[in-house]
């Protein structure tokens, strides 16, 4: 059975993304968001977690319930998809720190599958 790829341009936008992460994103197992570098929380967290200054994206599980976020692991990526660091949910909350990716385009096949649901 063929799966539907979620993003049509992920390889172009994130050429250094690990294959296992790309596959998990394409199948909706994991989600990706951009780090919102304009928000106050970002500026505050950069003082505490220095690698965030180079982070452009974060990958996380949309399936983890809010009460279990402290056990989650976030994968921070640079602008090319290269892994910078992993941070646990007990150390950092993503709320107020991320926004949807503006550069990743949903594939037509994926959009059509959502409309059918």
N, C-alpha and C. Protein backbone atom coordinates (compact mmCIF):
# COMPACT_ATOMS: atom_id res chain seq x y z
N UNK A 1 0.84 -1.18 0.00
CA UNK A 1 0.00 0.00 0.00
C UNK A 1 0.89 1.25 0.00
N UNK A 2 0.64 2.14 -0.92
CA UNK A 2 1.41 3.38 -1.02
C UNK A 2 0.88 4.39 -0.01
N UNK A 3 1.80 5.04 0.67
CA UNK A 3 1.38 6.10 1.58
C UNK A 3 1.40 7.43 0.86
N UNK A 4 0.67 8.37 1.37
CA UNK A 4 0.61 9.71 0.80
C UNK A 4 1.64 10.59 1.47
N UNK A 5 2.50 11.22 0.68
CA UNK A 5 3.47 12.17 1.23
C UNK A 5 2.76 13.45 1.61
N UNK A 6 3.02 13.92 2.81
CA UNK A 6 2.39 15.15 3.29
C UNK A 6 2.94 16.39 2.60
N UNK A 7 4.26 16.48 2.47
CA UNK A 7 4.90 17.69 1.93
C UNK A 7 5.46 17.43 0.53
N UNK A 8 5.18 18.33 -0.39
CA UNK A 8 5.66 18.17 -1.77
C UNK A 8 7.09 18.68 -1.96
N UNK A 9 7.56 19.57 -1.09
CA UNK A 9 8.87 20.19 -1.29
C UNK A 9 9.84 20.02 -0.12
N UNK A 10 9.63 19.03 0.70
CA UNK A 10 10.46 18.87 1.91
C UNK A 10 11.92 18.59 1.57
N UNK A 11 12.18 17.84 0.51
CA UNK A 11 13.57 17.54 0.14
C UNK A 11 14.31 18.78 -0.35
N UNK A 12 13.59 19.63 -1.05
CA UNK A 12 14.19 20.88 -1.55
C UNK A 12 14.45 21.85 -0.38
N UNK A 13 13.49 21.99 0.52
CA UNK A 13 13.60 22.95 1.62
C UNK A 13 14.52 22.47 2.74
N UNK A 14 14.55 21.18 2.98
CA UNK A 14 15.37 20.62 4.06
C UNK A 14 16.25 19.49 3.53
N UNK A 15 17.26 19.83 2.72
CA UNK A 15 18.08 18.80 2.06
C UNK A 15 18.90 17.94 3.02
N UNK A 16 19.18 18.42 4.21
CA UNK A 16 19.99 17.65 5.16
C UNK A 16 19.17 16.93 6.23
N UNK A 17 17.87 16.85 6.02
CA UNK A 17 16.99 16.17 6.97
C UNK A 17 17.24 14.67 6.93
N UNK A 18 17.42 14.07 8.10
CA UNK A 18 17.64 12.63 8.20
C UNK A 18 16.45 11.88 7.59
N UNK A 19 16.75 10.82 6.88
CA UNK A 19 15.72 10.05 6.17
C UNK A 19 14.61 9.57 7.11
N UNK A 20 14.97 9.11 8.28
CA UNK A 20 13.97 8.60 9.23
C UNK A 20 13.03 9.73 9.69
N UNK A 21 13.54 10.93 9.86
CA UNK A 21 12.69 12.06 10.24
C UNK A 21 11.81 12.49 9.08
N UNK A 22 12.38 12.49 7.88
CA UNK A 22 11.59 12.85 6.70
C UNK A 22 10.41 11.89 6.53
N UNK A 23 10.69 10.61 6.67
CA UNK A 23 9.63 9.61 6.53
C UNK A 23 8.55 9.79 7.60
N UNK A 24 8.96 10.07 8.84
CA UNK A 24 7.99 10.26 9.92
C UNK A 24 7.15 11.51 9.70
N UNK A 25 7.74 12.56 9.14
CA UNK A 25 7.00 13.78 8.84
C UNK A 25 6.04 13.56 7.67
N UNK A 26 6.50 12.85 6.66
CA UNK A 26 5.68 12.61 5.47
C UNK A 26 4.45 11.76 5.78
N UNK A 27 4.53 10.94 6.82
CA UNK A 27 3.41 10.06 7.17
C UNK A 27 2.59 10.57 8.34
N UNK A 28 2.85 11.80 8.78
CA UNK A 28 2.11 12.41 9.89
C UNK A 28 2.39 11.78 11.25
N UNK A 29 3.42 10.94 11.34
CA UNK A 29 3.79 10.36 12.63
C UNK A 29 4.38 11.44 13.53
N UNK A 30 5.19 12.33 12.93
CA UNK A 30 5.76 13.49 13.64
C UNK A 30 5.31 14.75 12.93
N UNK A 31 5.48 15.89 13.59
CA UNK A 31 5.13 17.17 13.00
C UNK A 31 6.34 18.10 13.08
N UNK A 32 6.34 19.11 12.23
CA UNK A 32 7.42 20.09 12.19
C UNK A 32 6.82 21.48 12.24
N UNK A 33 7.48 22.36 12.97
CA UNK A 33 7.08 23.76 13.06
C UNK A 33 8.35 24.61 13.00
N UNK A 34 8.17 25.89 12.68
CA UNK A 34 9.30 26.82 12.69
C UNK A 34 9.43 27.44 14.07
N UNK A 35 10.65 27.72 14.44
CA UNK A 35 10.91 28.44 15.68
C UNK A 35 10.57 29.91 15.41
N UNK A 36 9.77 30.49 16.28
CA UNK A 36 9.36 31.88 16.12
C UNK A 36 10.40 32.78 16.78
N UNK A 37 11.32 33.27 15.97
CA UNK A 37 12.45 34.06 16.47
C UNK A 37 12.06 35.49 16.85
N UNK A 38 10.82 35.88 16.58
CA UNK A 38 10.37 37.23 16.92
C UNK A 38 9.69 37.30 18.29
N UNK A 39 9.40 36.16 18.88
CA UNK A 39 8.67 36.17 20.16
C UNK A 39 9.61 36.36 21.35
N UNK A 40 9.07 36.89 22.41
CA UNK A 40 9.85 37.15 23.63
C UNK A 40 10.35 35.85 24.26
N UNK A 41 9.53 34.80 24.19
CA UNK A 41 9.94 33.52 24.78
C UNK A 41 11.21 33.00 24.10
N UNK A 42 11.31 33.17 22.80
CA UNK A 42 12.50 32.73 22.07
C UNK A 42 13.74 33.46 22.59
N UNK A 43 13.63 34.77 22.72
CA UNK A 43 14.77 35.56 23.19
C UNK A 43 15.20 35.13 24.60
N UNK A 44 14.24 34.87 25.44
CA UNK A 44 14.52 34.44 26.81
C UNK A 44 15.17 33.05 26.83
N UNK A 45 14.63 32.14 26.03
CA UNK A 45 15.16 30.77 26.01
C UNK A 45 16.54 30.69 25.39
N UNK A 46 16.87 31.58 24.46
CA UNK A 46 18.21 31.60 23.85
C UNK A 46 19.29 31.91 24.88
N UNK A 47 18.95 32.69 25.88
CA UNK A 47 19.90 32.99 26.95
C UNK A 47 20.20 31.74 27.78
N UNK A 48 19.21 30.89 27.91
CA UNK A 48 19.33 29.69 28.73
C UNK A 48 19.84 28.50 27.91
N UNK A 49 19.35 28.36 26.67
CA UNK A 49 19.72 27.25 25.80
C UNK A 49 20.33 27.86 24.54
N UNK A 50 21.63 27.99 24.52
CA UNK A 50 22.33 28.77 23.49
C UNK A 50 22.16 28.25 22.06
N UNK A 51 22.03 26.93 21.86
CA UNK A 51 21.91 26.40 20.51
C UNK A 51 20.65 26.88 19.80
N UNK A 52 19.66 27.36 20.55
CA UNK A 52 18.41 27.83 19.93
C UNK A 52 18.65 28.98 18.95
N UNK A 53 19.73 29.70 19.13
CA UNK A 53 20.04 30.81 18.22
C UNK A 53 20.21 30.31 16.79
N UNK A 54 20.62 29.07 16.61
CA UNK A 54 20.83 28.49 15.28
C UNK A 54 19.66 27.62 14.82
N UNK A 55 18.66 27.44 15.67
CA UNK A 55 17.54 26.56 15.35
C UNK A 55 16.48 27.30 14.52
N UNK A 56 16.06 26.66 13.46
CA UNK A 56 15.01 27.21 12.61
C UNK A 56 13.73 26.38 12.68
N UNK A 57 13.86 25.09 12.99
CA UNK A 57 12.72 24.18 13.03
C UNK A 57 12.79 23.30 14.26
N UNK A 58 11.63 22.75 14.63
CA UNK A 58 11.58 21.75 15.68
C UNK A 58 10.61 20.65 15.24
N UNK A 59 11.02 19.42 15.50
CA UNK A 59 10.19 18.25 15.20
C UNK A 59 9.73 17.68 16.54
N UNK A 60 8.46 17.33 16.59
CA UNK A 60 7.87 16.81 17.82
C UNK A 60 6.71 15.89 17.46
N UNK A 61 6.17 15.22 18.44
CA UNK A 61 5.04 14.33 18.20
C UNK A 61 3.73 15.06 18.51
N UNK A 62 2.83 15.14 17.52
CA UNK A 62 1.54 15.76 17.77
C UNK A 62 0.61 14.82 18.54
N UNK A 63 1.04 13.59 18.78
CA UNK A 63 0.20 12.59 19.43
C UNK A 63 0.40 12.50 20.94
N UNK A 64 1.41 13.19 21.47
CA UNK A 64 1.67 13.16 22.91
C UNK A 64 0.66 14.08 23.60
N UNK A 65 -0.01 13.56 24.58
CA UNK A 65 -0.99 14.36 25.33
C UNK A 65 -0.27 15.41 26.17
N UNK A 66 -0.96 16.52 26.39
CA UNK A 66 -0.36 17.66 27.11
C UNK A 66 0.23 17.24 28.46
N UNK A 67 -0.44 16.36 29.18
CA UNK A 67 0.05 15.96 30.50
C UNK A 67 1.32 15.10 30.42
N UNK A 68 1.68 14.66 29.23
CA UNK A 68 2.89 13.86 29.05
C UNK A 68 4.01 14.58 28.33
N UNK A 69 3.86 15.86 28.07
CA UNK A 69 4.88 16.60 27.33
C UNK A 69 6.24 16.61 28.04
N UNK A 70 6.26 16.50 29.34
CA UNK A 70 7.55 16.51 30.04
C UNK A 70 8.39 15.30 29.68
N UNK A 71 7.77 14.26 29.12
CA UNK A 71 8.49 13.06 28.71
C UNK A 71 8.85 13.04 27.22
N UNK A 72 8.43 14.07 26.51
CA UNK A 72 8.67 14.13 25.06
C UNK A 72 10.08 14.62 24.76
N UNK A 73 10.55 14.29 23.57
CA UNK A 73 11.85 14.74 23.12
C UNK A 73 11.67 15.55 21.84
N UNK A 74 12.21 16.77 21.82
CA UNK A 74 12.11 17.65 20.67
C UNK A 74 13.43 17.64 19.90
N UNK A 75 13.33 17.63 18.58
CA UNK A 75 14.51 17.63 17.72
C UNK A 75 14.58 19.00 17.05
N UNK A 76 15.61 19.75 17.34
CA UNK A 76 15.80 21.07 16.74
C UNK A 76 16.73 20.96 15.54
N UNK A 77 16.34 21.66 14.46
CA UNK A 77 17.06 21.61 13.19
C UNK A 77 17.50 22.99 12.76
N UNK A 78 18.55 23.02 11.94
CA UNK A 78 18.96 24.30 11.34
C UNK A 78 18.13 24.53 10.08
N UNK A 79 18.46 25.55 9.32
CA UNK A 79 17.67 25.92 8.14
C UNK A 79 17.71 24.89 7.01
N UNK A 80 18.67 23.96 7.06
CA UNK A 80 18.78 22.93 6.02
C UNK A 80 18.22 21.58 6.47
N UNK A 81 17.79 21.49 7.72
CA UNK A 81 17.27 20.24 8.25
C UNK A 81 18.28 19.43 9.04
N UNK A 82 19.49 19.96 9.19
CA UNK A 82 20.53 19.27 9.98
C UNK A 82 20.15 19.32 11.46
N UNK A 83 20.27 18.19 12.14
CA UNK A 83 19.95 18.12 13.57
C UNK A 83 20.98 18.92 14.36
N UNK A 84 20.48 19.84 15.19
CA UNK A 84 21.34 20.62 16.08
C UNK A 84 21.40 20.02 17.47
N UNK A 85 20.24 19.62 17.98
CA UNK A 85 20.18 19.14 19.36
C UNK A 85 18.82 18.52 19.65
N UNK A 86 18.79 17.72 20.70
CA UNK A 86 17.55 17.17 21.23
C UNK A 86 17.33 17.80 22.60
N UNK A 87 16.11 18.20 22.88
CA UNK A 87 15.78 18.78 24.18
C UNK A 87 14.52 18.10 24.70
N UNK A 88 14.55 17.74 25.96
CA UNK A 88 13.39 17.10 26.57
C UNK A 88 12.32 18.11 26.95
N UNK A 89 11.09 17.64 26.96
CA UNK A 89 9.96 18.47 27.33
C UNK A 89 10.02 18.95 28.77
N UNK A 90 10.74 18.26 29.63
CA UNK A 90 10.90 18.71 31.01
C UNK A 90 11.77 19.96 31.08
N UNK A 91 12.62 20.15 30.07
CA UNK A 91 13.52 21.30 30.04
C UNK A 91 12.95 22.50 29.29
N UNK A 92 12.04 22.23 28.36
CA UNK A 92 11.55 23.31 27.49
C UNK A 92 10.13 23.00 27.03
N UNK A 93 9.26 24.01 27.10
CA UNK A 93 7.91 23.89 26.54
C UNK A 93 7.89 24.62 25.20
N UNK A 94 7.27 24.00 24.22
CA UNK A 94 7.19 24.60 22.89
C UNK A 94 6.10 25.66 22.78
N UNK A 95 5.12 25.63 23.67
CA UNK A 95 4.02 26.58 23.60
C UNK A 95 4.55 28.01 23.58
N UNK A 96 4.10 28.77 22.59
CA UNK A 96 4.53 30.16 22.47
C UNK A 96 5.89 30.34 21.83
N UNK A 97 6.51 29.26 21.39
CA UNK A 97 7.86 29.31 20.82
C UNK A 97 7.88 28.94 19.34
N UNK A 98 6.78 28.40 18.84
CA UNK A 98 6.76 27.89 17.47
C UNK A 98 5.58 28.44 16.68
N UNK A 99 5.70 28.31 15.37
CA UNK A 99 4.62 28.72 14.45
C UNK A 99 4.65 27.77 13.25
N UNK A 100 3.58 27.72 12.48
CA UNK A 100 3.57 26.83 11.32
C UNK A 100 4.67 27.17 10.32
N UNK A 101 5.13 26.17 9.60
CA UNK A 101 6.14 26.36 8.56
C UNK A 101 5.49 27.02 7.35
N UNK A 102 6.04 28.14 6.95
CA UNK A 102 5.49 28.85 5.79
C UNK A 102 6.08 28.33 4.49
N UNK A 103 7.22 27.69 4.54
CA UNK A 103 7.91 27.26 3.33
C UNK A 103 7.60 25.83 2.91
N UNK A 104 7.02 25.03 3.78
CA UNK A 104 6.70 23.65 3.42
C UNK A 104 5.29 23.59 2.85
N UNK A 105 5.18 23.02 1.67
CA UNK A 105 3.90 22.97 0.96
C UNK A 105 3.28 21.59 1.09
N UNK A 106 1.99 21.57 1.45
CA UNK A 106 1.27 20.31 1.50
C UNK A 106 1.06 19.81 0.07
N UNK A 107 1.24 18.51 -0.12
CA UNK A 107 1.04 17.93 -1.45
C UNK A 107 -0.45 17.93 -1.78
N UNK A 108 -0.77 17.99 -3.07
CA UNK A 108 -2.17 17.96 -3.51
C UNK A 108 -2.85 16.67 -3.07
N UNK A 109 -2.12 15.56 -3.17
CA UNK A 109 -2.66 14.26 -2.76
C UNK A 109 -3.03 14.27 -1.27
N UNK A 110 -2.19 14.89 -0.45
CA UNK A 110 -2.46 14.98 0.98
C UNK A 110 -3.67 15.86 1.24
N UNK A 111 -3.73 17.01 0.59
CA UNK A 111 -4.88 17.92 0.76
C UNK A 111 -6.18 17.24 0.36
N UNK A 112 -6.14 16.49 -0.73
CA UNK A 112 -7.34 15.76 -1.18
C UNK A 112 -7.75 14.69 -0.18
N UNK A 113 -6.78 14.04 0.44
CA UNK A 113 -7.10 13.00 1.42
C UNK A 113 -7.75 13.59 2.67
N UNK A 114 -7.36 14.80 3.03
CA UNK A 114 -7.94 15.47 4.20
C UNK A 114 -9.38 15.88 3.88
N UNK A 115 -9.63 16.35 2.69
CA UNK A 115 -10.99 16.76 2.28
C UNK A 115 -11.95 15.59 2.31
N UNK A 116 -11.46 14.40 2.03
CA UNK A 116 -12.32 13.21 2.00
C UNK A 116 -12.71 12.72 3.38
N UNK A 117 -11.96 13.12 4.40
CA UNK A 117 -12.23 12.62 5.76
C UNK A 117 -13.43 13.26 6.36
